[in-house]
Amino acid sequence: MTVPIPVKAVVIDLDGTLLDTAPDLAYAATLMMAELGLDAPPLDVIRTYIGNGVSRLVKRVLTGDMSAEPDAELFKRAYALYEKHYSANVARESAPFPGVIEGLQSLRKQGFRLACITNKVAVFTLPLLRDTHLLDFFELVLPGDSLPKRKPDPLPLLHACAHFGIQPAELLLIGDSLNDTQAARAAGCHVFCVPYGYNRGQPVADLYPDAVIPSIAAASALIEKLV
């Protein structure tokens, strides 16, 4: 991408973009399934299940399917177990991807206003950001249960625009999945994707973002050139 963009604020996804959370998500799933007397999928499979919030993750672990609905009573039991185990292990192994800290520091130094928008609910999001020392980078954090709709709906991005007092074309979303590109396109925002995240096992280049960038640090460098 070489065309100048009028970015004033940068919104960044959490799971698979800022943080590698898959080990802890999988660990909680393994403990949940053990209590249910069931076998859990391996980590590489659970990675492909991440991206639509914990509720959908639990359903995918239970059914082995991306969109199937498990038995309602089983899901109710499983979700309560998952909440218990994930709350106790939310930052057990989760850590920033390479280039995240440097990228956030650079973006802040350049004067961009920063937000984190995720489909993960607040009870997990805020402790996770705090325990991994990322919370203070963000002026705005929008967990998945903070608004009536979540990504891929454009509402969280439009809410961020209103918060920052900017137009959608002045907002850049950095994410790792179809949810992010769909939300950005629907809102009228720019979107960059990292290739290392949780896009259901599919290459992010197939989503046709404005740019595929290897890290948040690389995104910061590219933004500096384009703004």
Protein backbone atom coordinates (compact mmCIF):
# COMPACT_ATOMS: atom_id res chain seq x y z
CA MET A 1 0.00 0.00 0.00
CA THR A 2 1.45 3.38 -1.04
CA VAL A 3 -1.53 5.72 -1.10
CA PRO A 4 -1.57 8.27 1.76
CA ILE A 5 -4.21 7.64 4.43
CA PRO A 6 -5.56 10.26 6.87
CA VAL A 7 -5.27 8.14 10.01
CA LYS A 8 -5.74 9.82 13.40
CA ALA A 9 -6.53 6.78 15.57
CA VAL A 10 -5.54 3.12 15.51
CA VAL A 11 -7.71 0.29 16.81
CA ILE A 12 -6.08 -3.09 17.44
CA ASP A 13 -7.63 -6.51 17.91
CA LEU A 14 -6.61 -8.57 20.96
CA ASP A 15 -6.47 -12.34 20.40
CA GLY A 16 -4.10 -13.24 17.59
CA THR A 17 -3.01 -9.64 16.96
CA LEU A 18 -1.70 -8.22 20.23
CA LEU A 19 -1.49 -11.41 22.25
CA ASP A 20 -0.92 -15.08 21.62
CA THR A 21 -3.73 -16.32 23.85
CA ALA A 22 -4.24 -19.73 22.22
CA PRO A 23 -2.26 -21.71 24.84
CA ASP A 24 -4.44 -20.45 27.69
CA LEU A 25 -7.68 -20.75 25.71
CA ALA A 26 -6.75 -24.34 24.87
CA TYR A 27 -5.69 -25.11 28.45
CA ALA A 28 -9.08 -23.97 29.77
CA ALA A 29 -10.82 -26.02 27.09
CA THR A 30 -8.84 -29.11 28.06
CA LEU A 31 -9.78 -28.69 31.73
CA MET A 32 -13.43 -28.10 30.76
CA MET A 33 -13.61 -31.21 28.60
CA ALA A 34 -11.88 -33.31 31.27
CA GLU A 35 -14.55 -32.35 33.80
CA LEU A 36 -17.19 -33.32 31.25
CA GLY A 37 -15.49 -36.66 30.65
CA LEU A 38 -14.69 -35.76 27.04
CA ASP A 39 -11.53 -35.49 24.98
CA ALA A 40 -10.36 -31.99 24.01
CA PRO A 41 -9.10 -31.12 20.53
CA PRO A 42 -5.35 -30.44 20.19
CA LEU A 43 -3.97 -26.90 20.34
CA ASP A 44 -3.56 -26.55 16.58
CA VAL A 45 -7.26 -27.28 16.11
CA ILE A 46 -8.38 -24.95 18.90
CA ARG A 47 -6.35 -22.16 17.24
CA THR A 48 -8.72 -22.40 14.28
CA TYR A 49 -11.72 -22.07 16.63
CA ILE A 50 -10.67 -18.69 18.06
CA GLY A 51 -12.14 -15.41 16.87
CA ASN A 52 -15.86 -15.17 17.63
CA GLY A 53 -15.81 -14.96 21.41
CA VAL A 54 -15.67 -17.55 24.18
CA SER A 55 -19.26 -18.73 23.68
CA ARG A 56 -18.61 -19.79 20.10
CA LEU A 57 -15.22 -21.24 21.06
CA VAL A 58 -16.87 -23.50 23.63
CA LYS A 59 -19.48 -24.60 21.08
CA ARG A 60 -16.76 -25.44 18.54
CA VAL A 61 -14.77 -27.42 21.09
CA LEU A 62 -17.89 -29.38 22.05
CA THR A 63 -19.04 -30.12 18.52
CA GLY A 64 -15.84 -30.10 16.45
CA ASP A 65 -17.68 -27.84 14.02
CA MET A 66 -17.35 -24.12 13.28
CA SER A 67 -21.09 -23.35 13.39
CA ALA A 68 -22.94 -26.30 14.95
CA GLU A 69 -25.01 -25.93 18.11
CA PRO A 70 -24.38 -28.42 20.93
CA ASP A 71 -27.05 -29.71 23.29
CA ALA A 72 -28.29 -26.70 25.26
CA GLU A 73 -27.84 -28.28 28.69
CA LEU A 74 -24.37 -29.55 27.82
CA PHE A 75 -23.37 -26.12 26.58
CA LYS A 76 -24.65 -24.46 29.76
CA ARG A 77 -22.54 -26.80 31.90
CA ALA A 78 -19.53 -26.48 29.63
CA TYR A 79 -19.62 -22.69 29.48
CA ALA A 80 -19.71 -22.38 33.27
CA LEU A 81 -16.71 -24.71 33.52
CA TYR A 82 -14.85 -22.82 30.83
CA GLU A 83 -15.43 -19.47 32.55
CA LYS A 84 -14.09 -20.93 35.80
CA HIS A 85 -10.94 -22.37 34.25
CA TYR A 86 -10.18 -19.50 31.89
CA SER A 87 -10.65 -16.88 34.60
CA ALA A 88 -8.10 -18.73 36.71
CA ASN A 89 -5.63 -19.06 33.83
CA VAL A 90 -6.27 -16.05 31.60
CA ALA A 91 -2.63 -14.95 31.52
CA ARG A 92 -0.91 -18.23 32.43
CA GLU A 93 1.06 -18.34 29.17
CA SER A 94 -0.49 -15.56 27.06
CA ALA A 95 2.08 -13.01 25.90
CA PRO A 96 2.50 -10.22 23.34
CA PHE A 97 3.59 -11.27 19.88
CA PRO A 98 7.02 -10.03 18.72
CA GLY A 99 6.93 -6.34 17.80
CA VAL A 100 3.80 -5.51 19.80
CA ILE A 101 5.40 -3.48 22.59
CA GLU A 102 7.72 -1.64 20.20
CA GLY A 103 4.83 -0.96 17.83
CA LEU A 104 2.53 0.39 20.54
CA GLN A 105 5.31 2.61 21.88
CA SER A 106 5.99 3.95 18.38
CA LEU A 107 2.32 4.59 17.61
CA ARG A 108 1.89 6.46 20.87
CA LYS A 109 5.07 8.46 20.20
CA GLN A 110 3.69 9.43 16.79
CA GLY A 111 0.61 10.83 18.53
CA PHE A 112 -2.03 8.34 17.44
CA ARG A 113 -4.92 7.66 19.76
CA LEU A 114 -5.14 3.96 20.51
CA ALA A 115 -8.00 1.57 21.24
CA CYS A 116 -8.33 -2.17 21.70
CA ILE A 117 -11.52 -3.75 20.34
CA THR A 118 -12.11 -7.45 20.92
CA ASN A 119 -14.92 -9.99 20.92
CA LYS A 120 -13.59 -11.31 24.24
CA VAL A 121 -15.88 -10.31 27.13
CA ALA A 122 -14.78 -7.75 29.72
CA VAL A 123 -14.30 -10.22 32.59
CA PHE A 124 -11.44 -11.77 30.59
CA THR A 125 -10.27 -8.79 28.53
CA LEU A 126 -9.35 -6.34 31.25
CA PRO A 127 -7.39 -8.77 33.50
CA LEU A 128 -5.59 -10.10 30.42
CA LEU A 129 -4.52 -6.65 29.22
CA ARG A 130 -3.53 -5.68 32.75
CA ASP A 131 -1.55 -8.87 33.45
CA THR A 132 0.36 -8.58 30.15
CA HIS A 133 1.11 -4.88 30.81
CA LEU A 134 -0.73 -3.59 27.72
CA LEU A 135 -3.74 -1.89 29.32
CA ASP A 136 -2.10 1.51 29.82
CA PHE A 137 -1.39 1.87 26.10
CA PHE A 138 -5.08 2.24 25.28
CA GLU A 139 -7.34 5.23 25.73
CA LEU A 140 -10.35 3.05 24.92
CA VAL A 141 -10.98 -0.68 25.43
CA LEU A 142 -14.17 -2.19 24.00
CA PRO A 143 -14.72 -5.83 25.03
CA GLY A 144 -17.25 -7.95 23.19
CA ASP A 145 -20.02 -7.41 25.74
CA SER A 146 -19.65 -3.62 25.99
CA LEU A 147 -22.02 -2.83 23.08
CA PRO A 148 -25.16 -4.48 21.62
CA LYS A 149 -23.17 -5.85 18.67
CA ARG A 150 -19.60 -7.05 18.18
CA LYS A 151 -17.28 -7.58 15.21
CA PRO A 152 -17.91 -8.31 12.33
CA ASP A 153 -20.62 -5.73 12.89
CA PRO A 154 -19.23 -2.21 12.35
CA LEU A 155 -20.77 -0.83 15.58
CA PRO A 156 -17.61 -1.09 17.76
CA LEU A 157 -15.52 0.75 15.14
CA LEU A 158 -18.16 3.44 14.68
CA HIS A 159 -18.34 3.79 18.47
CA ALA A 160 -14.58 4.30 18.54
CA CYS A 161 -14.87 6.96 15.82
CA ALA A 162 -17.48 8.80 17.89
CA HIS A 163 -15.29 8.50 21.00
CA PHE A 164 -12.28 9.95 19.18
CA GLY A 165 -14.34 12.54 17.30
CA ILE A 166 -13.11 11.38 13.90
CA GLN A 167 -14.54 10.08 10.63
CA PRO A 168 -14.35 6.35 9.77
CA ALA A 169 -11.77 7.06 7.05
CA GLU A 170 -9.50 8.45 9.78
CA LEU A 171 -9.53 5.17 11.74
CA LEU A 172 -7.24 2.20 11.06
CA LEU A 173 -8.01 -1.27 12.39
CA ILE A 174 -5.18 -3.77 12.79
CA GLY A 175 -6.45 -7.32 13.09
CA ASP A 176 -5.91 -10.93 12.12
CA SER A 177 -9.20 -12.29 10.82
CA LEU A 178 -12.28 -12.11 8.65
CA ASN A 179 -14.17 -10.51 11.55
CA ASP A 180 -11.75 -7.58 11.43
CA THR A 181 -11.81 -7.00 7.67
CA GLN A 182 -15.60 -7.30 7.50
CA ALA A 183 -16.07 -4.84 10.37
CA ALA A 184 -13.62 -2.35 8.87
CA ARG A 185 -15.15 -2.49 5.39
CA ALA A 186 -18.66 -2.11 6.78
CA ALA A 187 -17.59 0.89 8.88
CA GLY A 188 -15.58 2.54 6.11
CA CYS A 189 -12.26 2.23 7.96
CA HIS A 190 -8.82 1.19 6.75
CA VAL A 191 -7.60 -2.26 7.80
CA PHE A 192 -4.20 -3.94 8.09
CA CYS A 193 -3.82 -7.64 8.94
CA VAL A 194 -1.06 -9.58 10.65
CA PRO A 195 -0.39 -13.08 9.22
CA TYR A 196 0.35 -14.88 12.49
CA GLY A 197 -3.07 -14.82 14.14
CA TYR A 198 -6.24 -16.87 14.31
CA ASN A 199 -7.99 -16.55 10.94
CA ARG A 200 -9.50 -20.06 11.11
CA GLY A 201 -6.37 -21.43 9.46
CA GLN A 202 -6.77 -19.33 6.29
CA PRO A 203 -4.20 -16.86 4.84
CA VAL A 204 -5.11 -13.26 5.69
CA ALA A 205 -4.01 -12.13 2.21
CA ASP A 206 -7.19 -13.82 0.96
CA LEU A 207 -9.19 -11.22 2.94
CA TYR A 208 -7.76 -8.38 0.81
CA PRO A 209 -6.85 -5.96 3.63
CA ASP A 210 -5.18 -2.67 2.76
CA ALA A 211 -1.89 -4.26 3.83
CA VAL A 212 -0.53 -7.45 5.36
CA ILE A 213 2.08 -6.45 7.91
CA PRO A 214 4.43 -8.84 9.76
CA SER A 215 4.10 -7.11 13.15
CA ILE A 216 2.62 -4.14 14.98
CA ALA A 217 6.06 -2.55 14.83
CA ALA A 218 6.02 -2.90 11.03
CA ALA A 219 2.51 -1.45 10.95
CA SER A 220 3.70 1.58 12.89
CA ALA A 221 6.54 2.13 10.41
CA LEU A 222 4.18 1.82 7.44
CA ILE A 223 1.62 4.17 8.96
CA GLU A 224 4.33 6.75 9.56
CA LYS A 225 5.13 6.69 5.85
CA LEU A 226 1.50 6.84 4.70
CA VAL A 227 0.03 9.49 6.98
